[in-house]
Amino acid sequence: MASYKALVKDVIKKADVLLEVIDARFPDETRNSEVEHEITRLNKPFIIVINKSDLVSREKLEKTKARLSRTAPVIFVSSKDRSGTTMLRHQILASAATKAGIKEQDILVGTLGYPNVGKSSVINGVTGRHRASTSSVSGHTKGVQHIGAGSRIMFIDTPGVIPFDEKDEYLQGLLGIKDVTHLKDKIGVALKMIEKMLAENKTALESFYNITIEDETSYDVLELIGKQCNFLQKKGEVDETRTATKIINDWQNGLLLL
């Protein structure tokens, strides 16, 4: 934990511009106040990059942007369809222009964020080529890399910021920090995902699993999904663990849209 803190502080110190990459589905949960405080303390310009923007509605994105723009410039990015990367490049150049003594030199850009928010994918989107190694497995990036992106932009790609005090397995499952094979309470995590969908996009949940939800609880919905998928045990009871595993995988693979 201490080594990650030291690495993050070192990147903030060396970078001219910082990108805080967050997940569009969980903008507040994937921000890190400690990191933002350190960036502000050192008077470094930073940009909030809302990645995976294809997974939420435009209305939700605009509301998030209006709120977060009070803190820093906000850019929507979707690594899936490469949208927003040109705007991000322009914002990096604009933010760097506010920093004294950088007009002729390369702009060092530090990318920070929680595991699995897609930092390397954002870099690849801006460079227009596969320069930063990516993986669906969180924590894939192991060491600091410098990656040229043209227009004097030089990225510092870093390992994901481990949540400093985060021990909530449910949140780690929601954010994809832990995949289903590393979750102890699969059913509990799946129920949290269902609760989130019921609150924000019940129609999408019904459509994806071809079910009808009226006044059912999140547990009832898990049972409905299990029956619809024919995940039944010998006595006709729903295999809750198998159903939870599918829901978690569907969620973390971006198939359930908020």
Protein backbone atom coordinates (compact mmCIF):
# COMPACT_ATOMS: atom_id res chain seq x y z
CA MET A 1 0.00 0.00 0.00
CA ALA A 2 2.78 2.41 0.96
CA SER A 3 4.62 1.74 -2.31
CA TYR A 4 1.52 2.64 -4.33
CA LYS A 5 1.14 5.90 -2.42
CA ALA A 6 4.77 6.76 -3.07
CA LEU A 7 4.41 5.92 -6.77
CA VAL A 8 1.31 8.09 -7.14
CA LYS A 9 2.95 11.04 -5.39
CA ASP A 10 6.04 10.64 -7.59
CA VAL A 11 3.93 10.67 -10.78
CA ILE A 12 2.04 13.76 -9.61
CA LYS A 13 5.34 15.49 -8.84
CA LYS A 14 6.90 14.67 -12.25
CA ALA A 15 3.83 15.28 -14.48
CA ASP A 16 2.93 18.61 -16.04
CA VAL A 17 -0.72 17.62 -16.46
CA LEU A 18 -2.64 14.90 -14.61
CA LEU A 19 -5.56 12.80 -15.86
CA GLU A 20 -7.82 11.30 -13.22
CA VAL A 21 -9.60 8.50 -15.08
CA ILE A 22 -12.93 7.51 -13.54
CA ASP A 23 -15.71 5.06 -14.40
CA ALA A 24 -18.81 6.71 -15.91
CA ARG A 25 -21.06 4.35 -13.97
CA PHE A 26 -19.50 5.32 -10.63
CA PRO A 27 -18.05 8.81 -10.96
CA ASP A 28 -17.96 9.52 -7.23
CA GLU A 29 -16.82 6.08 -6.13
CA THR A 30 -13.88 6.11 -8.55
CA ARG A 31 -12.66 9.59 -7.69
CA ASN A 32 -9.92 9.74 -5.09
CA SER A 33 -9.98 12.78 -2.81
CA GLU A 34 -6.47 12.08 -1.51
CA VAL A 35 -5.04 12.11 -5.02
CA GLU A 36 -6.97 15.24 -5.98
CA HIS A 37 -5.78 17.01 -2.83
CA GLU A 38 -2.15 16.18 -3.66
CA ILE A 39 -2.56 17.47 -7.24
CA THR A 40 -4.08 20.71 -5.94
CA ARG A 41 -1.41 21.08 -3.27
CA LEU A 42 1.32 20.96 -5.91
CA ASN A 43 -0.67 23.35 -8.13
CA LYS A 44 -0.75 20.94 -11.09
CA PRO A 45 -3.46 21.22 -13.76
CA PHE A 46 -5.62 18.11 -14.03
CA ILE A 47 -8.45 16.78 -16.16
CA ILE A 48 -11.21 14.42 -15.05
CA VAL A 49 -11.62 11.78 -17.76
CA ILE A 50 -14.95 9.96 -17.58
CA ASN A 51 -14.19 6.64 -19.27
CA LYS A 52 -16.67 3.92 -20.31
CA SER A 53 -19.12 6.70 -21.19
CA ASP A 54 -20.90 4.34 -23.59
CA LEU A 55 -22.24 2.44 -20.57
CA VAL A 56 -24.46 5.25 -19.24
CA SER A 57 -27.07 7.57 -20.69
CA ARG A 58 -26.16 10.97 -22.12
CA GLU A 59 -28.42 12.61 -19.57
CA LYS A 60 -26.49 11.04 -16.70
CA LEU A 61 -23.17 12.03 -18.29
CA GLU A 62 -24.22 15.66 -18.62
CA LYS A 63 -25.36 15.82 -14.99
CA THR A 64 -22.05 14.36 -13.86
CA LYS A 65 -20.10 16.78 -16.04
CA ALA A 66 -21.99 19.80 -14.68
CA ARG A 67 -21.14 18.76 -11.15
CA LEU A 68 -17.51 17.74 -11.63
CA SER A 69 -16.65 20.71 -13.86
CA ARG A 70 -16.54 22.81 -10.72
CA THR A 71 -13.39 20.90 -9.77
CA ALA A 72 -11.58 20.45 -13.11
CA PRO A 73 -12.19 20.23 -16.88
CA VAL A 74 -14.21 17.11 -17.71
CA ILE A 75 -13.93 15.01 -20.87
CA PHE A 76 -16.10 12.00 -21.80
CA VAL A 77 -14.23 9.09 -23.35
CA SER A 78 -15.31 5.71 -24.63
CA SER A 79 -12.40 3.40 -25.31
CA LYS A 80 -14.89 1.05 -26.98
CA ASP A 81 -15.70 3.42 -29.85
CA ARG A 82 -12.75 5.81 -29.33
CA SER A 83 -15.01 8.83 -28.87
CA GLY A 84 -13.73 11.84 -26.97
CA THR A 85 -10.04 11.19 -27.50
CA THR A 86 -9.50 14.17 -29.83
CA MET A 87 -11.19 16.46 -27.31
CA LEU A 88 -8.98 15.02 -24.59
CA ARG A 89 -5.84 15.72 -26.64
CA HIS A 90 -6.95 19.35 -27.12
CA GLN A 91 -7.72 19.72 -23.41
CA ILE A 92 -4.28 18.37 -22.47
CA LEU A 93 -2.64 21.00 -24.67
CA ALA A 94 -4.91 23.73 -23.26
CA SER A 95 -4.22 22.71 -19.66
CA ALA A 96 -0.48 22.57 -20.30
CA ALA A 97 -0.58 26.09 -21.73
CA THR A 98 -1.53 27.38 -18.27
CA LYS A 99 1.70 25.99 -16.81
CA ALA A 100 4.71 28.31 -16.93
CA GLY A 101 7.92 27.23 -18.67
CA ILE A 102 6.51 24.40 -20.78
CA LYS A 103 6.04 26.03 -24.18
CA GLU A 104 8.95 24.31 -25.95
CA GLN A 105 9.30 21.04 -24.04
CA ASP A 106 7.39 17.76 -24.02
CA ILE A 107 4.25 17.71 -21.91
CA LEU A 108 4.45 14.91 -19.35
CA VAL A 109 0.95 13.58 -18.67
CA GLY A 110 0.33 11.39 -15.63
CA THR A 111 -2.62 8.99 -15.75
CA LEU A 112 -4.11 8.05 -12.39
CA GLY A 113 -7.14 6.06 -11.31
CA TYR A 114 -8.46 2.96 -9.64
CA PRO A 115 -7.74 -0.48 -11.08
CA ASN A 116 -9.85 -1.40 -14.10
CA VAL A 117 -11.13 2.10 -14.95
CA GLY A 118 -9.31 1.89 -18.30
CA LYS A 119 -6.27 4.17 -18.01
CA SER A 120 -4.20 2.26 -20.58
CA SER A 121 -7.17 2.18 -22.98
CA VAL A 122 -7.53 5.97 -22.70
CA ILE A 123 -3.84 6.38 -23.58
CA ASN A 124 -4.21 4.07 -26.57
CA GLY A 125 -7.21 6.08 -27.70
CA VAL A 126 -5.27 9.35 -27.63
CA THR A 127 -2.17 7.90 -29.31
CA GLY A 128 -4.30 6.19 -31.95
CA ARG A 129 -2.37 2.97 -31.63
CA HIS A 130 -1.80 0.11 -29.20
CA ARG A 131 1.07 1.61 -27.22
CA ALA A 132 0.01 0.90 -23.64
CA SER A 133 -0.53 -2.73 -22.65
CA THR A 134 -4.16 -3.45 -21.71
CA SER A 135 -6.01 -6.33 -20.14
CA SER A 136 -9.48 -7.07 -18.75
CA VAL A 137 -7.71 -8.26 -15.59
CA SER A 138 -7.45 -5.40 -13.09
CA GLY A 139 -3.95 -4.37 -12.04
CA HIS A 140 -2.48 -5.46 -15.39
CA THR A 141 -0.05 -2.57 -15.72
CA LYS A 142 2.92 -3.40 -13.50
CA GLY A 143 5.47 -0.60 -13.93
CA VAL A 144 5.85 2.98 -15.09
CA GLN A 145 6.05 3.43 -18.88
CA HIS A 146 6.63 6.60 -20.94
CA ILE A 147 4.51 6.62 -24.09
CA GLY A 148 4.78 9.22 -26.85
CA ALA A 149 1.46 10.47 -28.25
CA GLY A 150 2.59 13.18 -30.68
CA SER A 151 1.93 16.93 -30.37
CA ARG A 152 4.60 17.03 -27.63
CA ILE A 153 2.43 14.82 -25.41
CA MET A 154 4.27 12.13 -23.42
CA PHE A 155 2.17 9.88 -21.21
CA ILE A 156 3.33 8.34 -17.96
CA ASP A 157 1.30 5.15 -17.69
CA THR A 158 1.09 3.85 -14.12
CA PRO A 159 -0.36 0.89 -12.27
CA GLY A 160 -3.88 1.43 -10.97
CA VAL A 161 -4.27 3.31 -7.74
CA ILE A 162 -5.24 0.77 -5.11
CA PRO A 163 -8.05 2.23 -2.97
CA PHE A 164 -6.18 3.48 0.07
CA ASP A 165 -8.68 2.32 2.67
CA GLU A 166 -11.12 0.31 0.57
CA LYS A 167 -12.08 -3.04 2.08
CA ASP A 168 -15.64 -3.22 0.76
CA GLU A 169 -15.85 -6.34 -1.40
CA TYR A 170 -19.22 -5.24 -2.76
CA LEU A 171 -17.78 -2.01 -4.15
CA GLN A 172 -14.74 -3.85 -5.51
CA GLY A 173 -17.09 -6.16 -7.38
CA LEU A 174 -19.19 -3.28 -8.72
CA LEU A 175 -16.09 -1.45 -9.95
CA GLY A 176 -14.55 -4.60 -11.41
CA ILE A 177 -11.50 -4.32 -9.16
CA LYS A 178 -12.10 -7.96 -8.25
CA ASP A 179 -13.47 -10.38 -10.82
CA VAL A 180 -15.92 -13.09 -9.90
CA THR A 181 -13.21 -15.67 -9.19
CA HIS A 182 -11.83 -13.49 -6.38
CA LEU A 183 -15.13 -12.55 -4.74
CA LYS A 184 -16.10 -14.43 -1.60
CA ASP A 185 -19.73 -13.27 -1.41
CA LYS A 186 -20.81 -13.62 -5.03
CA ILE A 187 -24.52 -13.53 -4.19
CA GLY A 188 -24.13 -10.38 -2.09
CA VAL A 189 -22.24 -8.61 -4.88
CA ALA A 190 -24.83 -9.66 -7.48
CA LEU A 191 -27.62 -8.33 -5.25
CA LYS A 192 -25.83 -4.96 -5.07
CA MET A 193 -25.67 -4.88 -8.87
CA ILE A 194 -29.38 -5.68 -9.13
CA GLU A 195 -30.18 -2.93 -6.60
CA LYS A 196 -28.19 -0.45 -8.68
CA MET A 197 -30.04 -1.47 -11.86
CA LEU A 198 -33.45 -1.35 -10.17
CA ALA A 199 -32.73 2.18 -8.98
CA GLU A 200 -31.27 3.54 -12.22
CA ASN A 201 -32.39 1.44 -15.20
CA LYS A 202 -34.93 -1.25 -14.35
CA THR A 203 -36.08 -1.42 -17.98
CA ALA A 204 -32.60 -2.40 -19.18
CA LEU A 205 -32.45 -5.15 -16.56
CA GLU A 206 -35.82 -6.51 -17.66
CA SER A 207 -34.88 -6.35 -21.33
CA PHE A 208 -31.48 -7.99 -20.97
CA TYR A 209 -32.74 -10.99 -18.98
CA ASN A 210 -36.21 -11.07 -20.59
CA ILE A 211 -38.01 -10.81 -17.25
CA THR A 212 -40.81 -8.63 -15.84
CA ILE A 213 -40.16 -6.86 -12.54
CA GLU A 214 -42.99 -5.41 -10.49
CA ASP A 215 -42.47 -5.05 -6.74
CA GLU A 216 -39.87 -7.78 -6.36
CA THR A 217 -36.88 -7.36 -4.05
CA SER A 218 -33.34 -7.69 -5.40
CA TYR A 219 -33.27 -11.28 -4.12
CA ASP A 220 -36.55 -12.05 -5.92
CA VAL A 221 -35.05 -10.61 -9.12
CA LEU A 222 -31.99 -12.85 -8.75
CA GLU A 223 -34.36 -15.82 -8.50
CA LEU A 224 -36.26 -14.66 -11.61
CA ILE A 225 -33.01 -14.40 -13.57
CA GLY A 226 -31.93 -17.85 -12.39
CA LYS A 227 -35.21 -19.38 -13.53
CA GLN A 228 -35.11 -17.58 -16.86
CA CYS A 229 -31.55 -18.84 -17.47
CA ASN A 230 -32.61 -22.34 -16.36
CA PHE A 231 -29.94 -22.38 -13.65
CA LEU A 232 -31.80 -24.97 -11.59
CA GLN A 233 -30.65 -27.62 -9.16
CA LYS A 234 -32.05 -31.14 -8.89
CA LYS A 235 -35.07 -30.16 -6.78
CA GLY A 236 -35.95 -27.29 -9.08
CA GLU A 237 -34.43 -24.68 -6.79
CA VAL A 238 -32.44 -21.84 -8.37
CA ASP A 239 -28.66 -22.25 -8.28
CA GLU A 240 -28.04 -18.87 -6.70
CA THR A 241 -24.24 -18.97 -6.96
CA ARG A 242 -24.31 -19.81 -10.68
CA THR A 243 -26.91 -17.07 -11.26
CA ALA A 244 -24.86 -14.54 -9.26
CA THR A 245 -21.74 -15.47 -11.25
CA LYS A 246 -23.54 -14.74 -14.54
CA ILE A 247 -24.86 -11.40 -13.29
CA ILE A 248 -21.41 -10.32 -12.08
CA ASN A 249 -19.79 -11.32 -15.38
CA ASP A 250 -22.49 -9.56 -17.40
CA TRP A 251 -22.02 -6.42 -15.28
CA GLN A 252 -18.22 -6.40 -15.43
CA ASN A 253 -18.24 -7.08 -19.18
CA GLY A 254 -20.36 -3.96 -19.74
CA LEU A 255 -23.50 -5.77 -20.84
CA LEU A 256 -25.76 -4.15 -18.24
CA LEU A 257 -26.17 -0.46 -19.01
CA LEU A 258 -27.14 2.20 -16.47
